[in-house]
């Protein structure tokens, strides 16, 4: 099976247009079958005032189609601390981190010649 119950996922909604905002969901797999994955976790959205990516407080369960072509799905290591997981923008780059050693660059374009 491609995904198993308890796997950690970071799901990014593909930006289809220049003005689309980044949207992310992180959580644990509850169930997986035939290209559909049920994930329990938290949504992250950009705050229009501060420009920061913030986590929505309430936990939610979502069902995603992995065959839709509109999602980028990252399977995170099992060692990632999902309770302290945050998205942080620094110097024009977006990083995912758990503050305990895991960091992932989520830049979708170069900034100052670097990713």
PDB file of N, CA and C in Angstrom:
ATOM      1  N   UNK A   1       0.851  -1.168   0.000  1.00  0.00           N
ATOM      2  CA  UNK A   1       0.000   0.000   0.000  1.00  0.00           C
ATOM      3  C   UNK A   1       0.902   1.237   0.000  1.00  0.00           C
ATOM      4  N   UNK A   2       0.510   2.238  -0.744  1.00  0.00           N
ATOM      5  CA  UNK A   2       1.299   3.460  -0.884  1.00  0.00           C
ATOM      6  C   UNK A   2       1.381   4.249   0.418  1.00  0.00           C
ATOM      7  N   UNK A   3       0.256   4.452   1.070  1.00  0.00           N
ATOM      8  CA  UNK A   3       0.208   5.172   2.343  1.00  0.00           C
ATOM      9  C   UNK A   3      -0.426   4.285   3.400  1.00  0.00           C
ATOM     10  N   UNK A   4       0.036   4.460   4.625  1.00  0.00           N
ATOM     11  CA  UNK A   4      -0.501   3.655   5.725  1.00  0.00           C
ATOM     12  C   UNK A   4      -1.050   4.571   6.813  1.00  0.00           C
ATOM     13  N   UNK A   5      -1.963   4.027   7.594  1.00  0.00           N
ATOM     14  CA  UNK A   5      -2.522   4.777   8.719  1.00  0.00           C
ATOM     15  C   UNK A   5      -1.389   5.255   9.623  1.00  0.00           C
ATOM     16  N   UNK A   6      -1.443   6.527  10.003  1.00  0.00           N
ATOM     17  CA  UNK A   6      -0.429   7.098  10.874  1.00  0.00           C
ATOM     18  C   UNK A   6       0.704   7.807  10.152  1.00  0.00           C
ATOM     19  N   UNK A   7       0.802   7.654   8.820  1.00  0.00           N
ATOM     20  CA  UNK A   7       1.829   8.379   8.064  1.00  0.00           C
ATOM     21  C   UNK A   7       1.608   9.882   8.199  1.00  0.00           C
ATOM     22  N   UNK A   8       2.689  10.635   8.285  1.00  0.00           N
ATOM     23  CA  UNK A   8       2.634  12.098   8.359  1.00  0.00           C
ATOM     24  C   UNK A   8       2.670  12.686   6.951  1.00  0.00           C
ATOM     25  N   UNK A   9       1.743  13.594   6.657  1.00  0.00           N
ATOM     26  CA  UNK A   9       1.692  14.217   5.334  1.00  0.00           C
ATOM     27  C   UNK A   9       1.678  15.732   5.439  1.00  0.00           C
ATOM     28  N   UNK A  10       2.313  16.362   4.459  1.00  0.00           N
ATOM     29  CA  UNK A  10       2.186  17.794   4.210  1.00  0.00           C
ATOM     30  C   UNK A  10       1.581  17.907   2.821  1.00  0.00           C
ATOM     31  N   UNK A  11       0.419  18.532   2.727  1.00  0.00           N
ATOM     32  CA  UNK A  11      -0.284  18.666   1.449  1.00  0.00           C
ATOM     33  C   UNK A  11      -0.325  20.139   1.083  1.00  0.00           C
ATOM     34  N   UNK A  12       0.201  20.450  -0.095  1.00  0.00           N
ATOM     35  CA  UNK A  12       0.201  21.824  -0.605  1.00  0.00           C
ATOM     36  C   UNK A  12      -0.756  21.886  -1.786  1.00  0.00           C
ATOM     37  N   UNK A  13      -1.632  22.864  -1.756  1.00  0.00           N
ATOM     38  CA  UNK A  13      -2.532  23.079  -2.886  1.00  0.00           C
ATOM     39  C   UNK A  13      -1.737  23.788  -3.976  1.00  0.00           C
ATOM     40  N   UNK A  14      -1.717  23.210  -5.163  1.00  0.00           N
ATOM     41  CA  UNK A  14      -0.963  23.785  -6.273  1.00  0.00           C
ATOM     42  C   UNK A  14      -1.531  25.148  -6.632  1.00  0.00           C
ATOM     43  N   UNK A  15      -0.663  26.132  -6.770  1.00  0.00           N
ATOM     44  CA  UNK A  15      -1.080  27.469  -7.181  1.00  0.00           C
ATOM     45  C   UNK A  15      -1.300  27.450  -8.689  1.00  0.00           C
ATOM     46  N   UNK A  16      -2.538  27.671  -9.108  1.00  0.00           N
ATOM     47  CA  UNK A  16      -2.881  27.610 -10.526  1.00  0.00           C
ATOM     48  C   UNK A  16      -2.741  28.963 -11.215  1.00  0.00           C
ATOM     49  N   UNK A  17      -2.808  30.052 -10.442  1.00  0.00           N
ATOM     50  CA  UNK A  17      -2.715  31.406 -10.993  1.00  0.00           C
ATOM     51  C   UNK A  17      -1.735  32.219 -10.158  1.00  0.00           C
ATOM     52  N   UNK A  18      -1.150  33.252 -10.749  1.00  0.00           N
ATOM     53  CA  UNK A  18      -0.139  34.069 -10.069  1.00  0.00           C
ATOM     54  C   UNK A  18      -0.606  34.614  -8.732  1.00  0.00           C
ATOM     55  N   UNK A  19      -1.846  34.999  -8.627  1.00  0.00           N
ATOM     56  CA  UNK A  19      -2.344  35.642  -7.404  1.00  0.00           C
ATOM     57  C   UNK A  19      -2.893  34.647  -6.380  1.00  0.00           C
ATOM     58  N   UNK A  20      -2.866  33.358  -6.702  1.00  0.00           N
ATOM     59  CA  UNK A  20      -3.319  32.349  -5.739  1.00  0.00           C
ATOM     60  C   UNK A  20      -2.407  32.356  -4.511  1.00  0.00           C
ATOM     61  N   UNK A  21      -3.009  32.253  -3.346  1.00  0.00           N
ATOM     62  CA  UNK A  21      -2.248  32.176  -2.098  1.00  0.00           C
ATOM     63  C   UNK A  21      -1.826  30.728  -1.830  1.00  0.00           C
ATOM     64  N   UNK A  22      -0.728  30.582  -1.098  1.00  0.00           N
ATOM     65  CA  UNK A  22      -0.301  29.257  -0.657  1.00  0.00           C
ATOM     66  C   UNK A  22      -1.292  28.735   0.375  1.00  0.00           C
ATOM     67  N   UNK A  23      -1.683  27.465   0.237  1.00  0.00           N
ATOM     68  CA  UNK A  23      -2.542  26.810   1.230  1.00  0.00           C
ATOM     69  C   UNK A  23      -1.947  25.442   1.515  1.00  0.00           C
ATOM     70  N   UNK A  24      -1.887  25.107   2.788  1.00  0.00           N
ATOM     71  CA  UNK A  24      -1.263  23.858   3.201  1.00  0.00           C
ATOM     72  C   UNK A  24      -2.136  23.144   4.222  1.00  0.00           C
ATOM     73  N   UNK A  25      -1.949  21.832   4.294  1.00  0.00           N
ATOM     74  CA  UNK A  25      -2.607  21.012   5.312  1.00  0.00           C
ATOM     75  C   UNK A  25      -1.574  20.007   5.794  1.00  0.00           C
ATOM     76  N   UNK A  26      -1.422  19.877   7.110  1.00  0.00           N
ATOM     77  CA  UNK A  26      -0.532  18.860   7.653  1.00  0.00           C
ATOM     78  C   UNK A  26      -1.328  17.965   8.586  1.00  0.00           C
ATOM     79  N   UNK A  27      -0.994  16.686   8.547  1.00  0.00           N
ATOM     80  CA  UNK A  27      -1.703  15.778   9.426  1.00  0.00           C
ATOM     81  C   UNK A  27      -1.263  14.344   9.259  1.00  0.00           C
ATOM     82  N   UNK A  28      -2.018  13.476   9.907  1.00  0.00           N
ATOM     83  CA  UNK A  28      -1.748  12.040   9.873  1.00  0.00           C
ATOM     84  C   UNK A  28      -2.815  11.330   9.055  1.00  0.00           C
ATOM     85  N   UNK A  29      -2.382  10.331   8.306  1.00  0.00           N
ATOM     86  CA  UNK A  29      -3.294   9.525   7.501  1.00  0.00           C
ATOM     87  C   UNK A  29      -4.202   8.725   8.425  1.00  0.00           C
ATOM     88  N   UNK A  30      -5.507   8.846   8.187  1.00  0.00           N
ATOM     89  CA  UNK A  30      -6.505   8.058   8.904  1.00  0.00           C
ATOM     90  C   UNK A  30      -6.856   6.829   8.072  1.00  0.00           C
ATOM     91  N   UNK A  31      -6.962   7.030   6.746  1.00  0.00           N
ATOM     92  CA  UNK A  31      -7.278   5.927   5.836  1.00  0.00           C
ATOM     93  C   UNK A  31      -6.803   6.287   4.435  1.00  0.00           C
ATOM     94  N   UNK A  32      -6.514   5.253   3.636  1.00  0.00           N
ATOM     95  CA  UNK A  32      -6.100   5.451   2.246  1.00  0.00           C
ATOM     96  C   UNK A  32      -6.708   4.338   1.408  1.00  0.00           C
ATOM     97  N   UNK A  33      -7.300   4.718   0.260  1.00  0.00           N
ATOM     98  CA  UNK A  33      -7.862   3.716  -0.642  1.00  0.00           C
ATOM     99  C   UNK A  33      -8.008   4.308  -2.036  1.00  0.00           C
ATOM    100  N   UNK A  34      -7.462   3.633  -3.009  1.00  0.00           N
ATOM    101  CA  UNK A  34      -7.669   3.948  -4.429  1.00  0.00           C
ATOM    102  C   UNK A  34      -7.462   5.424  -4.774  1.00  0.00           C
ATOM    103  N   UNK A  35      -6.374   6.006  -4.278  1.00  0.00           N
ATOM    104  CA  UNK A  35      -6.065   7.390  -4.619  1.00  0.00           C
ATOM    105  C   UNK A  35      -6.734   8.435  -3.759  1.00  0.00           C
ATOM    106  N   UNK A  36      -7.551   8.012  -2.806  1.00  0.00           N
ATOM    107  CA  UNK A  36      -8.165   8.944  -1.854  1.00  0.00           C
ATOM    108  C   UNK A  36      -7.499   8.757  -0.498  1.00  0.00           C
ATOM    109  N   UNK A  37      -7.188   9.876   0.148  1.00  0.00           N
ATOM    110  CA  UNK A  37      -6.568   9.796   1.469  1.00  0.00           C
ATOM    111  C   UNK A  37      -7.363  10.663   2.441  1.00  0.00           C
ATOM    112  N   UNK A  38      -7.656  10.086   3.589  1.00  0.00           N
ATOM    113  CA  UNK A  38      -8.350  10.801   4.666  1.00  0.00           C
ATOM    114  C   UNK A  38      -7.285  11.179   5.688  1.00  0.00           C
ATOM    115  N   UNK A  39      -7.184  12.496   5.961  1.00  0.00           N
ATOM    116  CA  UNK A  39      -6.116  13.007   6.816  1.00  0.00           C
ATOM    117  C   UNK A  39      -6.718  13.860   7.927  1.00  0.00           C
ATOM    118  N   UNK A  40      -6.252  13.645   9.153  1.00  0.00           N
ATOM    119  CA  UNK A  40      -6.671  14.485  10.276  1.00  0.00           C
ATOM    120  C   UNK A  40      -5.500  15.369  10.659  1.00  0.00           C
ATOM    121  N   UNK A  41      -5.771  16.702  10.712  1.00  0.00           N
ATOM    122  CA  UNK A  41      -4.690  17.626  11.036  1.00  0.00           C
ATOM    123  C   UNK A  41      -5.146  19.065  11.027  1.00  0.00           C
ATOM    124  N   UNK A  42      -4.274  19.951  10.555  1.00  0.00           N
ATOM    125  CA  UNK A  42      -4.519  21.391  10.607  1.00  0.00           C
ATOM    126  C   UNK A  42      -4.241  22.060   9.268  1.00  0.00           C
ATOM    127  N   UNK A  43      -5.042  23.072   8.960  1.00  0.00           N
ATOM    128  CA  UNK A  43      -4.841  23.902   7.773  1.00  0.00           C
ATOM    129  C   UNK A  43      -3.927  25.067   8.122  1.00  0.00           C
ATOM    130  N   UNK A  44      -3.151  25.496   7.141  1.00  0.00           N
ATOM    131  CA  UNK A  44      -2.301  26.677   7.255  1.00  0.00           C
ATOM    132  C   UNK A  44      -2.650  27.613   6.113  1.00  0.00           C
ATOM    133  N   UNK A  45      -2.880  28.882   6.435  1.00  0.00           N
ATOM    134  CA  UNK A  45      -3.239  29.880   5.422  1.00  0.00           C
ATOM    135  C   UNK A  45      -2.439  31.160   5.679  1.00  0.00           C
ATOM    136  N   UNK A  46      -2.348  32.005   4.652  1.00  0.00           N
ATOM    137  CA  UNK A  46      -1.637  33.281   4.796  1.00  0.00           C
ATOM    138  C   UNK A  46      -2.549  34.313   5.440  1.00  0.00           C
ATOM    139  N   UNK A  47      -2.043  34.979   6.477  1.00  0.00           N
ATOM    140  CA  UNK A  47      -2.748  36.085   7.123  1.00  0.00           C
ATOM    141  C   UNK A  47      -2.604  37.307   6.217  1.00  0.00           C
ATOM    142  N   UNK A  48      -3.727  37.857   5.751  1.00  0.00           N
ATOM    143  CA  UNK A  48      -3.679  38.962   4.791  1.00  0.00           C
ATOM    144  C   UNK A  48      -3.105  40.238   5.402  1.00  0.00           C
ATOM    145  N   UNK A  49      -3.140  40.385   6.713  1.00  0.00           N
ATOM    146  CA  UNK A  49      -2.609  41.583   7.370  1.00  0.00           C
ATOM    147  C   UNK A  49      -1.091  41.483   7.543  1.00  0.00           C
ATOM    148  N   UNK A  50      -0.634  40.401   8.164  1.00  0.00           N
ATOM    149  CA  UNK A  50       0.795  40.268   8.470  1.00  0.00           C
ATOM    150  C   UNK A  50       1.587  39.617   7.343  1.00  0.00           C
ATOM    151  N   UNK A  51       0.900  38.857   6.479  1.00  0.00           N
ATOM    152  CA  UNK A  51       1.594  38.128   5.418  1.00  0.00           C
ATOM    153  C   UNK A  51       2.183  36.813   5.886  1.00  0.00           C
ATOM    154  N   UNK A  52       2.068  36.515   7.183  1.00  0.00           N
ATOM    155  CA  UNK A  52       2.612  35.272   7.724  1.00  0.00           C
ATOM    156  C   UNK A  52       1.671  34.110   7.444  1.00  0.00           C
ATOM    157  N   UNK A  53       2.241  32.915   7.373  1.00  0.00           N
ATOM    158  CA  UNK A  53       1.448  31.695   7.250  1.00  0.00           C
ATOM    159  C   UNK A  53       1.078  31.275   8.671  1.00  0.00           C
ATOM    160  N   UNK A  54      -0.223  31.138   8.938  1.00  0.00           N
ATOM    161  CA  UNK A  54      -0.664  30.788  10.286  1.00  0.00           C
ATOM    162  C   UNK A  54      -1.468  29.489  10.269  1.00  0.00           C
ATOM    163  N   UNK A  55      -1.427  28.809  11.389  1.00  0.00           N
ATOM    164  CA  UNK A  55      -2.154  27.549  11.554  1.00  0.00           C
ATOM    165  C   UNK A  55      -3.544  27.840  12.091  1.00  0.00           C
ATOM    166  N   UNK A  56      -4.559  27.261  11.463  1.00  0.00           N
ATOM    167  CA  UNK A  56      -5.909  27.364  12.012  1.00  0.00           C
ATOM    168  C   UNK A  56      -5.964  26.522  13.285  1.00  0.00           C
ATOM    169  N   UNK A  57      -6.592  27.065  14.307  1.00  0.00           N
ATOM    170  CA  UNK A  57      -6.562  26.444  15.636  1.00  0.00           C
ATOM    171  C   UNK A  57      -7.261  25.090  15.693  1.00  0.00           C
ATOM    172  N   UNK A  58      -8.384  24.962  15.017  1.00  0.00           N
ATOM    173  CA  UNK A  58      -9.169  23.741  15.156  1.00  0.00           C
ATOM    174  C   UNK A  58      -8.653  22.626  14.234  1.00  0.00           C
ATOM    175  N   UNK A  59      -8.634  21.425  14.799  1.00  0.00           N
ATOM    176  CA  UNK A  59      -8.276  20.239  14.026  1.00  0.00           C
ATOM    177  C   UNK A  59      -9.441  19.888  13.113  1.00  0.00           C
ATOM    178  N   UNK A  60      -9.122  19.352  11.962  1.00  0.00           N
ATOM    179  CA  UNK A  60     -10.180  18.935  11.040  1.00  0.00           C
ATOM    180  C   UNK A  60      -9.753  17.677  10.305  1.00  0.00           C
ATOM    181  N   UNK A  61     -10.726  16.988   9.755  1.00  0.00           N
ATOM    182  CA  UNK A  61     -10.466  15.803   8.949  1.00  0.00           C
ATOM    183  C   UNK A  61     -10.881  16.114   7.524  1.00  0.00           C
ATOM    184  N   UNK A  62      -9.950  15.891   6.583  1.00  0.00           N
ATOM    185  CA  UNK A  62     -10.218  16.181   5.172  1.00  0.00           C
ATOM    186  C   UNK A  62      -9.933  14.946   4.334  1.00  0.00           C
ATOM    187  N   UNK A  63     -10.634  14.862   3.217  1.00  0.00           N
ATOM    188  CA  UNK A  63     -10.397  13.800   2.242  1.00  0.00           C
ATOM    189  C   UNK A  63      -9.843  14.449   0.983  1.00  0.00           C
ATOM    190  N   UNK A  64      -8.692  13.962   0.528  1.00  0.00           N
ATOM    191  CA  UNK A  64      -8.026  14.504  -0.647  1.00  0.00           C
ATOM    192  C   UNK A  64      -7.938  13.444  -1.738  1.00  0.00           C
ATOM    193  N   UNK A  65      -8.088  13.871  -2.986  1.00  0.00           N
ATOM    194  CA  UNK A  65      -7.855  13.000  -4.132  1.00  0.00           C
ATOM    195  C   UNK A  65      -6.423  13.203  -4.594  1.00  0.00           C
ATOM    196  N   UNK A  66      -5.612  12.177  -4.480  1.00  0.00           N
ATOM    197  CA  UNK A  66      -4.218  12.279  -4.886  1.00  0.00           C
ATOM    198  C   UNK A  66      -4.062  12.265  -6.400  1.00  0.00           C
ATOM    199  N   UNK A  67      -5.125  11.968  -7.112  1.00  0.00           N
ATOM    200  CA  UNK A  67      -5.071  11.924  -8.578  1.00  0.00           C
ATOM    201  C   UNK A  67      -5.613  13.193  -9.219  1.00  0.00           C
ATOM    202  N   UNK A  68      -5.960  14.190  -8.425  1.00  0.00           N
ATOM    203  CA  UNK A  68      -6.590  15.401  -8.955  1.00  0.00           C
ATOM    204  C   UNK A  68      -5.634  16.261  -9.775  1.00  0.00           C
ATOM    205  N   UNK A  69      -4.347  16.174  -9.497  1.00  0.00           N
ATOM    206  CA  UNK A  69      -3.384  17.011 -10.198  1.00  0.00           C
ATOM    207  C   UNK A  69      -3.260  18.403  -9.613  1.00  0.00           C
ATOM    208  N   UNK A  70      -4.009  18.709  -8.562  1.00  0.00           N
ATOM    209  CA  UNK A  70      -3.956  20.047  -7.965  1.00  0.00           C
ATOM    210  C   UNK A  70      -3.292  20.049  -6.590  1.00  0.00           C
ATOM    211  N   UNK A  71      -2.707  18.940  -6.207  1.00  0.00           N
ATOM    212  CA  UNK A  71      -2.064  18.832  -4.895  1.00  0.00           C
ATOM    213  C   UNK A  71      -0.619  18.377  -5.038  1.00  0.00           C
ATOM    214  N   UNK A  72       0.229  18.895  -4.185  1.00  0.00           N
ATOM    215  CA  UNK A  72       1.582  18.380  -4.016  1.00  0.00           C
ATOM    216  C   UNK A  72       1.582  17.717  -2.644  1.00  0.00           C
ATOM    217  N   UNK A  73       1.852  16.428  -2.604  1.00  0.00           N
ATOM    218  CA  UNK A  73       1.764  15.676  -1.351  1.00  0.00           C
ATOM    219  C   UNK A  73       3.156  15.196  -0.959  1.00  0.00           C
ATOM    220  N   UNK A  74       3.575  15.578   0.234  1.00  0.00           N
ATOM    221  CA  UNK A  74       4.879  15.190   0.762  1.00  0.00           C
ATOM    222  C   UNK A  74       4.664  14.257   1.942  1.00  0.00           C
ATOM    223  N   UNK A  75       5.291  13.081   1.888  1.00  0.00           N
ATOM    224  CA  UNK A  75       5.257  12.196   3.043  1.00  0.00           C
ATOM    225  C   UNK A  75       6.425  12.592   3.941  1.00  0.00           C
ATOM    226  N   UNK A  76       6.111  12.984   5.150  1.00  0.00           N
ATOM    227  CA  UNK A  76       7.122  13.440   6.100  1.00  0.00           C
ATOM    228  C   UNK A  76       7.658  12.261   6.902  1.00  0.00           C
ATOM    229  N   UNK A  77       8.895  12.360   7.368  1.00  0.00           N
ATOM    230  CA  UNK A  77       9.441  11.281   8.195  1.00  0.00           C
ATOM    231  C   UNK A  77       8.585  11.041   9.441  1.00  0.00           C
ATOM    232  N   UNK A  78       8.588   9.818   9.906  1.00  0.00           N
ATOM    233  CA  UNK A  78       7.796   9.479  11.097  1.00  0.00           C
ATOM    234  C   UNK A  78       8.339  10.172  12.344  1.00  0.00           C
ATOM    235  N   UNK A  79       9.573  10.660  12.279  1.00  0.00           N
ATOM    236  CA  UNK A  79      10.198  11.323  13.425  1.00  0.00           C
ATOM    237  C   UNK A  79       9.787  12.792  13.564  1.00  0.00           C
ATOM    238  N   UNK A  80       9.082  13.342  12.568  1.00  0.00           N
ATOM    239  CA  UNK A  80       8.666  14.747  12.630  1.00  0.00           C
ATOM    240  C   UNK A  80       7.680  14.942  13.775  1.00  0.00           C
ATOM    241  N   UNK A  81       7.916  15.972  14.588  1.00  0.00           N
ATOM    242  CA  UNK A  81       7.018  16.304  15.691  1.00  0.00           C
ATOM    243  C   UNK A  81       5.867  17.136  15.130  1.00  0.00           C
ATOM    244  N   UNK A  82       4.730  16.519  14.893  1.00  0.00           N
ATOM    245  CA  UNK A  82       3.592  17.191  14.265  1.00  0.00           C
ATOM    246  C   UNK A  82       2.960  18.232  15.187  1.00  0.00           C
ATOM    247  N   UNK A  83       3.157  18.111  16.494  1.00  0.00           N
ATOM    248  CA  UNK A  83       2.571  19.062  17.445  1.00  0.00           C
ATOM    249  C   UNK A  83       3.261  20.423  17.391  1.00  0.00           C
ATOM    250  N   UNK A  84       4.537  20.444  17.012  1.00  0.00           N
ATOM    251  CA  UNK A  84       5.272  21.714  16.970  1.00  0.00           C
ATOM    252  C   UNK A  84       5.557  22.167  15.536  1.00  0.00           C
ATOM    253  N   UNK A  85       4.918  21.546  14.569  1.00  0.00           N
ATOM    254  CA  UNK A  85       5.145  21.828  13.146  1.00  0.00           C
ATOM    255  C   UNK A  85       4.654  23.234  12.796  1.00  0.00           C
ATOM    256  N   UNK A  86       5.507  24.015  12.132  1.00  0.00           N
ATOM    257  CA  UNK A  86       5.113  25.356  11.687  1.00  0.00           C
ATOM    258  C   UNK A  86       5.645  25.617  10.280  1.00  0.00           C
ATOM    259  N   UNK A  87       5.064  26.601   9.612  1.00  0.00           N
ATOM    260  CA  UNK A  87       5.561  27.096   8.335  1.00  0.00           C
ATOM    261  C   UNK A  87       6.093  28.496   8.595  1.00  0.00           C
ATOM    262  N   UNK A  88       7.319  28.754   8.139  1.00  0.00           N
ATOM    263  CA  UNK A  88       7.957  30.039   8.419  1.00  0.00           C
ATOM    264  C   UNK A  88       8.527  30.630   7.135  1.00  0.00           C
ATOM    265  N   UNK A  89       8.199  31.893   6.875  1.00  0.00           N
ATOM    266  CA  UNK A  89       8.741  32.615   5.721  1.00  0.00           C
ATOM    267  C   UNK A  89       9.915  33.462   6.191  1.00  0.00           C
ATOM    268  N   UNK A  90      11.058  33.276   5.530  1.00  0.00           N
ATOM    269  CA  UNK A  90      12.254  34.050   5.849  1.00  0.00           C
ATOM    270  C   UNK A  90      12.966  34.413   4.560  1.00  0.00           C
ATOM    271  N   UNK A  91      13.274  35.689   4.396  1.00  0.00           N
ATOM    272  CA  UNK A  91      14.022  36.170   3.240  1.00  0.00           C
ATOM    273  C   UNK A  91      13.403  35.699   1.926  1.00  0.00           C
ATOM    274  N   UNK A  92      12.082  35.716   1.865  1.00  0.00           N
ATOM    275  CA  UNK A  92      11.391  35.342   0.639  1.00  0.00           C
ATOM    276  C   UNK A  92      11.250  33.856   0.395  1.00  0.00           C
ATOM    277  N   UNK A  93      11.706  33.035   1.333  1.00  0.00           N
ATOM    278  CA  UNK A  93      11.590  31.581   1.192  1.00  0.00           C
ATOM    279  C   UNK A  93      10.646  31.039   2.262  1.00  0.00           C
ATOM    280  N   UNK A  94       9.961  29.966   1.923  1.00  0.00           N
ATOM    281  CA  UNK A  94       9.048  29.333   2.873  1.00  0.00           C
ATOM    282  C   UNK A  94       9.642  28.007   3.315  1.00  0.00           C
ATOM    283  N   UNK A  95       9.712  27.803   4.628  1.00  0.00           N
ATOM    284  CA  UNK A  95      10.246  26.570   5.200  1.00  0.00           C
ATOM    285  C   UNK A  95       9.217  25.935   6.129  1.00  0.00           C
ATOM    286  N   UNK A  96       9.213  24.615   6.133  1.00  0.00           N
ATOM    287  CA  UNK A  96       8.444  23.843   7.108  1.00  0.00           C
ATOM    288  C   UNK A  96       9.449  23.326   8.130  1.00  0.00           C
ATOM    289  N   UNK A  97       9.105  23.409   9.407  1.00  0.00           N
ATOM    290  CA  UNK A  97      10.005  22.925  10.443  1.00  0.00           C
ATOM    291  C   UNK A  97       9.202  22.446  11.655  1.00  0.00           C
ATOM    292  N   UNK A  98       9.799  21.531  12.380  1.00  0.00           N
ATOM    293  CA  UNK A  98       9.171  21.114  13.639  1.00  0.00           C
ATOM    294  C   UNK A  98       9.937  21.669  14.838  1.00  0.00           C
ATOM    295  N   UNK A  99      10.999  22.447  14.567  1.00  0.00           N
ATOM    296  CA  UNK A  99      11.797  23.018  15.644  1.00  0.00           C
ATOM    297  C   UNK A  99      12.644  22.004  16.386  1.00  0.00           C
ATOM    298  N   UNK A 100      12.640  20.765  15.926  1.00  0.00           N
ATOM    299  CA  UNK A 100      13.374  19.692  16.602  1.00  0.00           C
ATOM    300  C   UNK A 100      14.390  19.037  15.666  1.00  0.00           C
ATOM    301  N   UNK A 101      14.737  19.734  14.562  1.00  0.00           N
ATOM    302  CA  UNK A 101      15.734  19.188  13.640  1.00  0.00           C
ATOM    303  C   UNK A 101      15.228  18.977  12.222  1.00  0.00           C
ATOM    304  N   UNK A 102      13.925  18.884  12.020  1.00  0.00           N
ATOM    305  CA  UNK A 102      13.390  18.711  10.671  1.00  0.00           C
ATOM    306  C   UNK A 102      13.111  20.077  10.050  1.00  0.00           C
ATOM    307  N   UNK A 103      13.649  20.299   8.844  1.00  0.00           N
ATOM    308  CA  UNK A 103      13.378  21.506   8.068  1.00  0.00           C
ATOM    309  C   UNK A 103      13.239  21.112   6.609  1.00  0.00           C
ATOM    310  N   UNK A 104      12.281  21.730   5.924  1.00  0.00           N
ATOM    311  CA  UNK A 104      12.032  21.442   4.511  1.00  0.00           C
ATOM    312  C   UNK A 104      11.782  22.755   3.777  1.00  0.00           C
ATOM    313  N   UNK A 105      12.520  22.982   2.695  1.00  0.00           N
ATOM    314  CA  UNK A 105      12.359  24.175   1.870  1.00  0.00           C
ATOM    315  C   UNK A 105      11.143  23.976   0.969  1.00  0.00           C
ATOM    316  N   UNK A 106      10.169  24.881   1.039  1.00  0.00           N
ATOM    317  CA  UNK A 106       8.955  24.769   0.230  1.00  0.00           C
ATOM    318  C   UNK A 106       8.881  25.828  -0.869  1.00  0.00           C
ATOM    319  N   UNK A 107      10.011  26.459  -1.187  1.00  0.00           N
ATOM    320  CA  UNK A 107      10.022  27.504  -2.215  1.00  0.00           C
ATOM    321  C   UNK A 107       9.600  26.926  -3.562  1.00  0.00           C
ATOM    322  N   UNK A 108       8.709  27.649  -4.260  1.00  0.00           N
ATOM    323  CA  UNK A 108       8.309  27.195  -5.589  1.00  0.00           C
ATOM    324  C   UNK A 108       8.926  28.072  -6.678  1.00  0.00           C
ATOM    325  N   UNK A 109       9.805  28.999  -6.285  1.00  0.00           N
ATOM    326  CA  UNK A 109      10.573  29.782  -7.249  1.00  0.00           C
ATOM    327  C   UNK A 109      11.827  30.317  -6.557  1.00  0.00           C
ATOM    328  N   UNK A 110      12.815  30.688  -7.354  1.00  0.00           N
ATOM    329  CA  UNK A 110      14.073  31.193  -6.813  1.00  0.00           C
ATOM    330  C   UNK A 110      13.888  32.603  -6.267  1.00  0.00           C
ATOM    331  N   UNK A 111      14.644  32.908  -5.231  1.00  0.00           N
ATOM    332  CA  UNK A 111      14.658  34.252  -4.645  1.00  0.00           C
ATOM    333  C   UNK A 111      16.124  34.652  -4.518  1.00  0.00           C
ATOM    334  N   UNK A 112      16.486  35.749  -5.154  1.00  0.00           N
ATOM    335  CA  UNK A 112      17.877  36.218  -5.148  1.00  0.00           C
ATOM    336  C   UNK A 112      18.818  35.135  -5.660  1.00  0.00           C
ATOM    337  N   UNK A 113      18.355  34.386  -6.664  1.00  0.00           N
ATOM    338  CA  UNK A 113      19.185  33.359  -7.277  1.00  0.00           C
ATOM    339  C   UNK A 113      19.318  32.080  -6.495  1.00  0.00           C
ATOM    340  N   UNK A 114      18.558  31.938  -5.403  1.00  0.00           N
ATOM    341  CA  UNK A 114      18.630  30.728  -4.579  1.00  0.00           C
ATOM    342  C   UNK A 114      17.240  30.181  -4.314  1.00  0.00           C
ATOM    343  N   UNK A 115      17.183  28.873  -4.096  1.00  0.00           N
ATOM    344  CA  UNK A 115      15.931  28.242  -3.672  1.00  0.00           C
ATOM    345  C   UNK A 115      15.975  28.078  -2.224  1.00  0.00           C
TER     346      UNK A 115
END
